[in-house]
Amino acid sequence: MEQKTSFRTIDSKLSRVRSTWSKEATVTEECAEFESNLQMEGQVKIMVYRFASSECRSKDHKSAEELSPRNITGMGQADFQ
């Protein structure tokens, strides 16, 4: 069963890249995914962090308009390992 969780539960897993972000974390039975919209130099980078495989994937977008709407629960500095 899929559920939403707060950013604070995975905050300790992230380190190094600082930027403005909106966040949404999805927890499944297999793994937890963290998706963040990073506003960096006019581009939006979507970072997906998987606990299970400890991999970090990213996809660059030219503008935020290419992204689907998300619920923004807060703004701050995010660190990605």
PDB file of N, CA and C in Angstrom:
ATOM      1  N   MET A   1       0.833  -1.206   0.000  1.00  0.00           N
ATOM      2  CA  MET A   1       0.000   0.000   0.000  1.00  0.00           C
ATOM      3  C   MET A   1       0.868   1.257   0.000  1.00  0.00           C
ATOM      4  N   GLU A   2       0.581   2.155  -0.906  1.00  0.00           N
ATOM      5  CA  GLU A   2       1.394   3.357  -1.066  1.00  0.00           C
ATOM      6  C   GLU A   2       0.953   4.442  -0.093  1.00  0.00           C
ATOM      7  N   GLN A   3       1.907   5.162   0.446  1.00  0.00           N
ATOM      8  CA  GLN A   3       1.565   6.227   1.380  1.00  0.00           C
ATOM      9  C   GLN A   3       2.542   7.382   1.246  1.00  0.00           C
ATOM     10  N   LYS A   4       2.084   8.561   1.666  1.00  0.00           N
ATOM     11  CA  LYS A   4       2.959   9.729   1.633  1.00  0.00           C
ATOM     12  C   LYS A   4       3.657   9.854   2.982  1.00  0.00           C
ATOM     13  N   THR A   5       4.858  10.385   2.951  1.00  0.00           N
ATOM     14  CA  THR A   5       5.594  10.592   4.192  1.00  0.00           C
ATOM     15  C   THR A   5       6.263  11.960   4.150  1.00  0.00           C
ATOM     16  N   SER A   6       6.613  12.472   5.299  1.00  0.00           N
ATOM     17  CA  SER A   6       7.205  13.801   5.347  1.00  0.00           C
ATOM     18  C   SER A   6       8.675  13.751   4.934  1.00  0.00           C
ATOM     19  N   PHE A   7       9.174  14.901   4.509  1.00  0.00           N
ATOM     20  CA  PHE A   7      10.562  14.992   4.064  1.00  0.00           C
ATOM     21  C   PHE A   7      11.537  14.675   5.189  1.00  0.00           C
ATOM     22  N   ARG A   8      11.150  14.995   6.420  1.00  0.00           N
ATOM     23  CA  ARG A   8      12.057  14.841   7.559  1.00  0.00           C
ATOM     24  C   ARG A   8      12.491  13.396   7.784  1.00  0.00           C
ATOM     25  N   THR A   9      11.666  12.446   7.361  1.00  0.00           N
ATOM     26  CA  THR A   9      12.013  11.042   7.583  1.00  0.00           C
ATOM     27  C   THR A   9      13.192  10.602   6.725  1.00  0.00           C
ATOM     28  N   ILE A  10      13.450  11.323   5.631  1.00  0.00           N
ATOM     29  CA  ILE A  10      14.564  10.941   4.769  1.00  0.00           C
ATOM     30  C   ILE A  10      15.630  12.019   4.681  1.00  0.00           C
ATOM     31  N   ASP A  11      15.467  13.052   5.464  1.00  0.00           N
ATOM     32  CA  ASP A  11      16.390  14.185   5.416  1.00  0.00           C
ATOM     33  C   ASP A  11      17.828  13.763   5.691  1.00  0.00           C
ATOM     34  N   SER A  12      18.029  12.811   6.601  1.00  0.00           N
ATOM     35  CA  SER A  12      19.379  12.395   6.965  1.00  0.00           C
ATOM     36  C   SER A  12      20.061  11.606   5.852  1.00  0.00           C
ATOM     37  N   LYS A  13      19.292  11.147   4.873  1.00  0.00           N
ATOM     38  CA  LYS A  13      19.866  10.374   3.773  1.00  0.00           C
ATOM     39  C   LYS A  13      20.435  11.258   2.670  1.00  0.00           C
ATOM     40  N   LEU A  14      20.162  12.565   2.757  1.00  0.00           N
ATOM     41  CA  LEU A  14      20.550  13.460   1.675  1.00  0.00           C
ATOM     42  C   LEU A  14      21.722  14.339   2.088  1.00  0.00           C
ATOM     43  N   SER A  15      22.634  14.583   1.146  1.00  0.00           N
ATOM     44  CA  SER A  15      23.746  15.490   1.428  1.00  0.00           C
ATOM     45  C   SER A  15      24.374  16.056   0.157  1.00  0.00           C
ATOM     46  N   ARG A  16      24.880  17.239   0.228  1.00  0.00           N
ATOM     47  CA  ARG A  16      25.758  17.902  -0.748  1.00  0.00           C
ATOM     48  C   ARG A  16      25.203  18.942  -1.705  1.00  0.00           C
ATOM     49  N   VAL A  17      24.110  18.740  -2.416  1.00  0.00           N
ATOM     50  CA  VAL A  17      23.649  19.757  -3.361  1.00  0.00           C
ATOM     51  C   VAL A  17      22.615  20.667  -2.705  1.00  0.00           C
ATOM     52  N   ARG A  18      22.842  21.981  -2.734  1.00  0.00           N
ATOM     53  CA  ARG A  18      21.904  22.903  -2.107  1.00  0.00           C
ATOM     54  C   ARG A  18      21.125  23.665  -3.162  1.00  0.00           C
ATOM     55  N   SER A  19      19.821  23.780  -2.963  1.00  0.00           N
ATOM     56  CA  SER A  19      18.988  24.517  -3.903  1.00  0.00           C
ATOM     57  C   SER A  19      17.593  24.710  -3.326  1.00  0.00           C
ATOM     58  N   THR A  20      16.777  25.442  -4.059  1.00  0.00           N
ATOM     59  CA  THR A  20      15.385  25.612  -3.668  1.00  0.00           C
ATOM     60  C   THR A  20      14.610  24.407  -4.153  1.00  0.00           C
ATOM     61  N   TRP A  21      13.742  23.881  -3.303  1.00  0.00           N
ATOM     62  CA  TRP A  21      13.046  22.667  -3.703  1.00  0.00           C
ATOM     63  C   TRP A  21      11.621  22.611  -3.204  1.00  0.00           C
ATOM     64  N   SER A  22      10.836  21.813  -3.929  1.00  0.00           N
ATOM     65  CA  SER A  22       9.529  21.392  -3.442  1.00  0.00           C
ATOM     66  C   SER A  22       9.624  19.882  -3.334  1.00  0.00           C
ATOM     67  N   LYS A  23       8.943  19.307  -2.385  1.00  0.00           N
ATOM     68  CA  LYS A  23       9.208  17.899  -2.169  1.00  0.00           C
ATOM     69  C   LYS A  23       7.948  17.045  -2.003  1.00  0.00           C
ATOM     70  N   GLU A  24       8.109  15.812  -2.390  1.00  0.00           N
ATOM     71  CA  GLU A  24       7.054  14.832  -2.210  1.00  0.00           C
ATOM     72  C   GLU A  24       7.716  13.470  -2.113  1.00  0.00           C
ATOM     73  N   ALA A  25       7.462  12.774  -1.048  1.00  0.00           N
ATOM     74  CA  ALA A  25       8.079  11.467  -0.870  1.00  0.00           C
ATOM     75  C   ALA A  25       7.013  10.382  -0.948  1.00  0.00           C
ATOM     76  N   THR A  26       7.327   9.345  -1.688  1.00  0.00           N
ATOM     77  CA  THR A  26       6.403   8.232  -1.815  1.00  0.00           C
ATOM     78  C   THR A  26       7.045   6.983  -1.231  1.00  0.00           C
ATOM     79  N   VAL A  27       6.322   6.331  -0.323  1.00  0.00           N
ATOM     80  CA  VAL A  27       6.846   5.118   0.299  1.00  0.00           C
ATOM     81  C   VAL A  27       6.028   3.914  -0.164  1.00  0.00           C
ATOM     82  N   THR A  28       6.715   2.924  -0.715  1.00  0.00           N
ATOM     83  CA  THR A  28       6.055   1.691  -1.126  1.00  0.00           C
ATOM     84  C   THR A  28       6.602   0.550  -0.291  1.00  0.00           C
ATOM     85  N   GLU A  29       6.083  -0.652  -0.500  1.00  0.00           N
ATOM     86  CA  GLU A  29       6.564  -1.802   0.251  1.00  0.00           C
ATOM     87  C   GLU A  29       8.021  -2.114  -0.066  1.00  0.00           C
ATOM     88  N   GLU A  30       8.419  -1.874  -1.318  1.00  0.00           N
ATOM     89  CA  GLU A  30       9.762  -2.220  -1.741  1.00  0.00           C
ATOM     90  C   GLU A  30      10.803  -1.163  -1.388  1.00  0.00           C
ATOM     91  N   CYS A  31      10.439   0.090  -1.576  1.00  0.00           N
ATOM     92  CA  CYS A  31      11.421   1.136  -1.355  1.00  0.00           C
ATOM     93  C   CYS A  31      10.752   2.486  -1.172  1.00  0.00           C
ATOM     94  N   ALA A  32      11.534   3.462  -0.806  1.00  0.00           N
ATOM     95  CA  ALA A  32      11.027   4.818  -0.676  1.00  0.00           C
ATOM     96  C   ALA A  32      11.654   5.669  -1.762  1.00  0.00           C
ATOM     97  N   GLU A  33      10.843   6.529  -2.366  1.00  0.00           N
ATOM     98  CA  GLU A  33      11.356   7.411  -3.397  1.00  0.00           C
ATOM     99  C   GLU A  33      11.184   8.854  -2.974  1.00  0.00           C
ATOM    100  N   PHE A  34      12.204   9.640  -3.235  1.00  0.00           N
ATOM    101  CA  PHE A  34      12.127  11.063  -2.942  1.00  0.00           C
ATOM    102  C   PHE A  34      12.237  11.835  -4.242  1.00  0.00           C
ATOM    103  N   GLU A  35      11.214  12.622  -4.546  1.00  0.00           N
ATOM    104  CA  GLU A  35      11.249  13.428  -5.759  1.00  0.00           C
ATOM    105  C   GLU A  35      11.328  14.896  -5.381  1.00  0.00           C
ATOM    106  N   SER A  36      12.246  15.588  -5.983  1.00  0.00           N
ATOM    107  CA  SER A  36      12.420  16.989  -5.661  1.00  0.00           C
ATOM    108  C   SER A  36      12.575  17.801  -6.935  1.00  0.00           C
ATOM    109  N   ASN A  37      11.867  18.900  -7.004  1.00  0.00           N
ATOM    110  CA  ASN A  37      12.033  19.814  -8.125  1.00  0.00           C
ATOM    111  C   ASN A  37      13.094  20.845  -7.742  1.00  0.00           C
ATOM    112  N   LEU A  38      14.236  20.756  -8.363  1.00  0.00           N
ATOM    113  CA  LEU A  38      15.330  21.659  -8.025  1.00  0.00           C
ATOM    114  C   LEU A  38      15.377  22.812  -9.013  1.00  0.00           C
ATOM    115  N   GLN A  39      15.250  24.020  -8.494  1.00  0.00           N
ATOM    116  CA  GLN A  39      15.361  25.200  -9.352  1.00  0.00           C
ATOM    117  C   GLN A  39      16.826  25.616  -9.388  1.00  0.00           C
ATOM    118  N   MET A  40      17.507  25.271 -10.462  1.00  0.00           N
ATOM    119  CA  MET A  40      18.929  25.582 -10.562  1.00  0.00           C
ATOM    120  C   MET A  40      19.241  26.234 -11.905  1.00  0.00           C
ATOM    121  N   GLU A  41      19.718  27.466 -11.878  1.00  0.00           N
ATOM    122  CA  GLU A  41      20.144  28.174 -13.073  1.00  0.00           C
ATOM    123  C   GLU A  41      19.084  28.132 -14.167  1.00  0.00           C
ATOM    124  N   GLY A  42      17.829  28.374 -13.796  1.00  0.00           N
ATOM    125  CA  GLY A  42      16.758  28.441 -14.776  1.00  0.00           C
ATOM    126  C   GLY A  42      16.246  27.090 -15.241  1.00  0.00           C
ATOM    127  N   GLN A  43      16.834  26.015 -14.732  1.00  0.00           N
ATOM    128  CA  GLN A  43      16.387  24.685 -15.120  1.00  0.00           C
ATOM    129  C   GLN A  43      15.740  23.979 -13.936  1.00  0.00           C
ATOM    130  N   VAL A  44      14.944  22.982 -14.242  1.00  0.00           N
ATOM    131  CA  VAL A  44      14.328  22.179 -13.189  1.00  0.00           C
ATOM    132  C   VAL A  44      14.898  20.776 -13.275  1.00  0.00           C
ATOM    133  N   LYS A  45      15.436  20.320 -12.173  1.00  0.00           N
ATOM    134  CA  LYS A  45      15.995  18.973 -12.161  1.00  0.00           C
ATOM    135  C   LYS A  45      15.173  18.113 -11.197  1.00  0.00           C
ATOM    136  N   ILE A  46      14.691  16.989 -11.699  1.00  0.00           N
ATOM    137  CA  ILE A  46      13.929  16.074 -10.853  1.00  0.00           C
ATOM    138  C   ILE A  46      14.878  15.006 -10.332  1.00  0.00           C
ATOM    139  N   MET A  47      15.035  14.956  -9.018  1.00  0.00           N
ATOM    140  CA  MET A  47      15.899  13.962  -8.409  1.00  0.00           C
ATOM    141  C   MET A  47      15.031  12.879  -7.778  1.00  0.00           C
ATOM    142  N   VAL A  48      15.315  11.633  -8.111  1.00  0.00           N
ATOM    143  CA  VAL A  48      14.591  10.522  -7.492  1.00  0.00           C
ATOM    144  C   VAL A  48      15.610   9.676  -6.734  1.00  0.00           C
ATOM    145  N   TYR A  49      15.404   9.571  -5.434  1.00  0.00           N
ATOM    146  CA  TYR A  49      16.335   8.827  -4.589  1.00  0.00           C
ATOM    147  C   TYR A  49      15.655   7.562  -4.083  1.00  0.00           C
ATOM    148  N   ARG A  50      16.231   6.416  -4.383  1.00  0.00           N
ATOM    149  CA  ARG A  50      15.654   5.146  -3.937  1.00  0.00           C
ATOM    150  C   ARG A  50      16.464   4.601  -2.765  1.00  0.00           C
ATOM    151  N   PHE A  51      15.771   4.348  -1.655  1.00  0.00           N
ATOM    152  CA  PHE A  51      16.434   3.775  -0.482  1.00  0.00           C
ATOM    153  C   PHE A  51      16.961   2.369  -0.784  1.00  0.00           C
ATOM    154  N   ALA A  52      16.157   1.572  -1.445  1.00  0.00           N
ATOM    155  CA  ALA A  52      16.465   0.160  -1.650  1.00  0.00           C
ATOM    156  C   ALA A  52      17.773  -0.034  -2.425  1.00  0.00           C
ATOM    157  N   SER A  53      17.937   0.733  -3.515  1.00  0.00           N
ATOM    158  CA  SER A  53      19.097   0.538  -4.361  1.00  0.00           C
ATOM    159  C   SER A  53      20.167   1.608  -4.143  1.00  0.00           C
ATOM    160  N   SER A  54      19.837   2.605  -3.322  1.00  0.00           N
ATOM    161  CA  SER A  54      20.759   3.705  -3.046  1.00  0.00           C
ATOM    162  C   SER A  54      21.219   4.398  -4.321  1.00  0.00           C
ATOM    163  N   GLU A  55      20.313   4.506  -5.278  1.00  0.00           N
ATOM    164  CA  GLU A  55      20.658   5.166  -6.533  1.00  0.00           C
ATOM    165  C   GLU A  55      19.969   6.516  -6.617  1.00  0.00           C
ATOM    166  N   CYS A  56      20.580   7.418  -7.342  1.00  0.00           N
ATOM    167  CA  CYS A  56      19.976   8.721  -7.528  1.00  0.00           C
ATOM    168  C   CYS A  56      19.878   8.998  -9.021  1.00  0.00           C
ATOM    169  N   ARG A  57      18.650   9.155  -9.527  1.00  0.00           N
ATOM    170  CA  ARG A  57      18.452   9.449 -10.937  1.00  0.00           C
ATOM    171  C   ARG A  57      18.003  10.887 -11.075  1.00  0.00           C
ATOM    172  N   SER A  58      18.388  11.497 -12.160  1.00  0.00           N
ATOM    173  CA  SER A  58      17.958  12.873 -12.381  1.00  0.00           C
ATOM    174  C   SER A  58      17.594  13.081 -13.841  1.00  0.00           C
ATOM    175  N   LYS A  59      16.663  13.970 -14.069  1.00  0.00           N
ATOM    176  CA  LYS A  59      16.261  14.309 -15.422  1.00  0.00           C
ATOM    177  C   LYS A  59      16.130  15.818 -15.523  1.00  0.00           C
ATOM    178  N   ASP A  60      16.762  16.394 -16.518  1.00  0.00           N
ATOM    179  CA  ASP A  60      16.745  17.837 -16.673  1.00  0.00           C
ATOM    180  C   ASP A  60      15.560  18.293 -17.516  1.00  0.00           C
ATOM    181  N   HIS A  61      14.964  19.384 -17.117  1.00  0.00           N
ATOM    182  CA  HIS A  61      13.890  19.997 -17.882  1.00  0.00           C
ATOM    183  C   HIS A  61      14.254  21.446 -18.154  1.00  0.00           C
ATOM    184  N   LYS A  62      13.851  21.944 -19.311  1.00  0.00           N
ATOM    185  CA  LYS A  62      14.174  23.319 -19.665  1.00  0.00           C
ATOM    186  C   LYS A  62      13.343  24.319 -18.879  1.00  0.00           C
ATOM    187  N   SER A  63      12.132  23.905 -18.508  1.00  0.00           N
ATOM    188  CA  SER A  63      11.290  24.813 -17.743  1.00  0.00           C
ATOM    189  C   SER A  63      10.346  24.039 -16.844  1.00  0.00           C
ATOM    190  N   ALA A  64       9.845  24.706 -15.822  1.00  0.00           N
ATOM    191  CA  ALA A  64       8.952  24.062 -14.869  1.00  0.00           C
ATOM    192  C   ALA A  64       7.614  23.724 -15.510  1.00  0.00           C
ATOM    193  N   GLU A  65       7.320  24.356 -16.637  1.00  0.00           N
ATOM    194  CA  GLU A  65       6.050  24.120 -17.313  1.00  0.00           C
ATOM    195  C   GLU A  65       5.961  22.700 -17.865  1.00  0.00           C
ATOM    196  N   GLU A  66       7.096  22.052 -18.004  1.00  0.00           N
ATOM    197  CA  GLU A  66       7.099  20.680 -18.505  1.00  0.00           C
ATOM    198  C   GLU A  66       6.719  19.668 -17.421  1.00  0.00           C
ATOM    199  N   LEU A  67       6.703  20.147 -16.179  1.00  0.00           N
ATOM    200  CA  LEU A  67       6.419  19.256 -15.060  1.00  0.00           C
ATOM    201  C   LEU A  67       4.938  19.222 -14.739  1.00  0.00           C
ATOM    202  N   SER A  68       4.501  18.094 -14.208  1.00  0.00           N
ATOM    203  CA  SER A  68       3.135  18.003 -13.721  1.00  0.00           C
ATOM    204  C   SER A  68       3.040  18.758 -12.408  1.00  0.00           C
ATOM    205  N   PRO A  69       1.865  19.321 -12.092  1.00  0.00           N
ATOM    206  CA  PRO A  69       1.689  20.054 -10.835  1.00  0.00           C
ATOM    207  C   PRO A  69       1.941  19.155  -9.627  1.00  0.00           C
ATOM    208  N   ARG A  70       2.547  19.722  -8.608  1.00  0.00           N
ATOM    209  CA  ARG A  70       2.812  18.961  -7.384  1.00  0.00           C
ATOM    210  C   ARG A  70       2.361  19.771  -6.173  1.00  0.00           C
ATOM    211  N   ASN A  71       2.145  19.063  -5.103  1.00  0.00           N
ATOM    212  CA  ASN A  71       1.831  19.752  -3.856  1.00  0.00           C
ATOM    213  C   ASN A  71       3.127  20.233  -3.227  1.00  0.00           C
ATOM    214  N   ILE A  72       3.220  21.526  -2.991  1.00  0.00           N
ATOM    215  CA  ILE A  72       4.414  22.078  -2.370  1.00  0.00           C
ATOM    216  C   ILE A  72       4.164  22.218  -0.874  1.00  0.00           C
ATOM    217  N   THR A  73       4.891  21.414  -0.093  1.00  0.00           N
ATOM    218  CA  THR A  73       4.680  21.412   1.348  1.00  0.00           C
ATOM    219  C   THR A  73       5.682  22.298   2.069  1.00  0.00           C
ATOM    220  N   GLY A  74       6.688  22.775   1.361  1.00  0.00           N
ATOM    221  CA  GLY A  74       7.646  23.647   2.020  1.00  0.00           C
ATOM    222  C   GLY A  74       8.799  24.009   1.107  1.00  0.00           C
ATOM    223  N   MET A  75       9.563  25.000   1.498  1.00  0.00           N
ATOM    224  CA  MET A  75      10.734  25.394   0.733  1.00  0.00           C
ATOM    225  C   MET A  75      11.956  25.326   1.644  1.00  0.00           C
ATOM    226  N   GLY A  76      13.122  25.060   1.066  1.00  0.00           N
ATOM    227  CA  GLY A  76      14.308  24.994   1.910  1.00  0.00           C
ATOM    228  C   GLY A  76      15.513  24.541   1.131  1.00  0.00           C
ATOM    229  N   GLN A  77      16.552  24.133   1.815  1.00  0.00           N
ATOM    230  CA  GLN A  77      17.760  23.650   1.174  1.00  0.00           C
ATOM    231  C   GLN A  77      17.793  22.130   1.257  1.00  0.00           C
ATOM    232  N   ALA A  78      18.029  21.503   0.116  1.00  0.00           N
ATOM    233  CA  ALA A  78      18.082  20.046   0.079  1.00  0.00           C
ATOM    234  C   ALA A  78      19.501  19.605  -0.259  1.00  0.00           C
ATOM    235  N   ASP A  79      19.954  18.556   0.381  1.00  0.00           N
ATOM    236  CA  ASP A  79      21.268  18.001   0.101  1.00  0.00           C
ATOM    237  C   ASP A  79      21.101  16.615  -0.497  1.00  0.00           C
ATOM    238  N   PHE A  80      21.696  16.398  -1.682  1.00  0.00           N
ATOM    239  CA  PHE A  80      21.562  15.096  -2.324  1.00  0.00           C
ATOM    240  C   PHE A  80      22.902  14.383  -2.358  1.00  0.00           C
ATOM    241  N   GLN A  81      22.869  13.148  -1.959  1.00  0.00           N
ATOM    242  CA  GLN A  81      24.091  12.363  -1.928  1.00  0.00           C
ATOM    243  C   GLN A  81      24.390  11.797  -3.298  1.00  0.00           C
TER     244      GLN A  81
END
